[in-house]
Amino acid sequence: MTADIGKTARPEDAPAAGPEAIKAIPVRHYGRYVSAVIAIGLLVAIIYAFGQGKINWHAVPDYFFDHRIMKGVGQTMLLTVLSMLIGILGGILLAVMRLSKNPVTSSIAWFYIWFFRGTPVLVQLFVWFNLGLVFEYINLGPIYKNYWSDFMTPFLTALLGLGLNEAAYMAEICRAGLLSVDEGQTEAAHALGMSHGKTLRRIVIPQAMRVIVPPTGNEVINMLKTTSLVSAVQYYELLRYAQDIGQTSGAPVEMLFLAAAWYLILTSVLSVGQYYVERYYARGSSRNLPPTPWQRVRRNLAPLFSRKGVTA
């Protein structure tokens, strides 16, 4: 066996040189930096302006848990829940009427939605409150009879004004959810002998909830803020109590800031509830549900606790 000693290496026998490393140069977005500086500057200017204003900030924590404010918070939440209950039940009924093949019921539902969506809520509240100028009595025969002014209390005015108006918007939300379900499933249910009402309860509505729930959550939050309008019809809720305290304490603007803080707290709580309700009804459409905030915190803290266990 002879060794290849003395042979010179040929150029074609040398290993091929690899490609040169790519030098990635990040793109500099100067517009983002400029917009961020401008936004921070505006925020600082607004904070400085409020800091220089003649505002008694100590009045806000002094009255934050006042018994009148807490009573107003309770009245606001009660009115929100009851008005949304009327709106949801009425919206479901109007949506079914709107989709009915009966032209009479469909036309009535269309007219209701057209009227209440086309007039402002404040106008509707004033109409209910001042109907005593048109009708002296409310007469329901042997069931109930009384003066209209005694019957139409500020609470009933607020409840009817907000609830009936919300029913018109919820009707369109429910109608969109019902139309999102494939018609083939309704036909299959009818072929199995299920009635129209049972098909709605067992087949259509459970699937439509995935479409109905997100905008309904927004309507609940919007209803909470809309309750501030009922102070115009002499109903005492959060804003009305805050205004009265502001007039007696000499801090009207500070009490408006206090009311705004409570509205932010309440809407934040409702937003968290809306997130979990949407996540519950999303189980049928997505296999992997997004992690909850608590699950994200546990996932981020898990490596820290595992390291402590190893070192211990």
Foldseek 3Di string as FASTA:
>chain_A
DDDPPPDDDDPVVDDDDDDDDDDDDDDDDVVVVVVVVVVVVVVVVVVVVVVPDPADLVVLVVCLVPVLLVVQAVVLVVLLVLLLVLQQVLLLVLLCQCPDPPPVSVVVSVVLLCVLVVDDLLVQLVCLLPCLVVPQWDDPDPPDIDGSNVVSDLSNSSSCSRNSSSNSVSNVQLNVLQVVDDVVQVVVCVVVVDDPVVCCVPPRVLNSCLSNLPVSLVVSLVSSVVSVSSVVSVDRHNLVSLCVCCVVVVRNVSSVVSSVVVSVVVNVVSVLVSVVVSQVSCVVPDPDGDDDPVVVVCVVCVVVVVVVVVVD
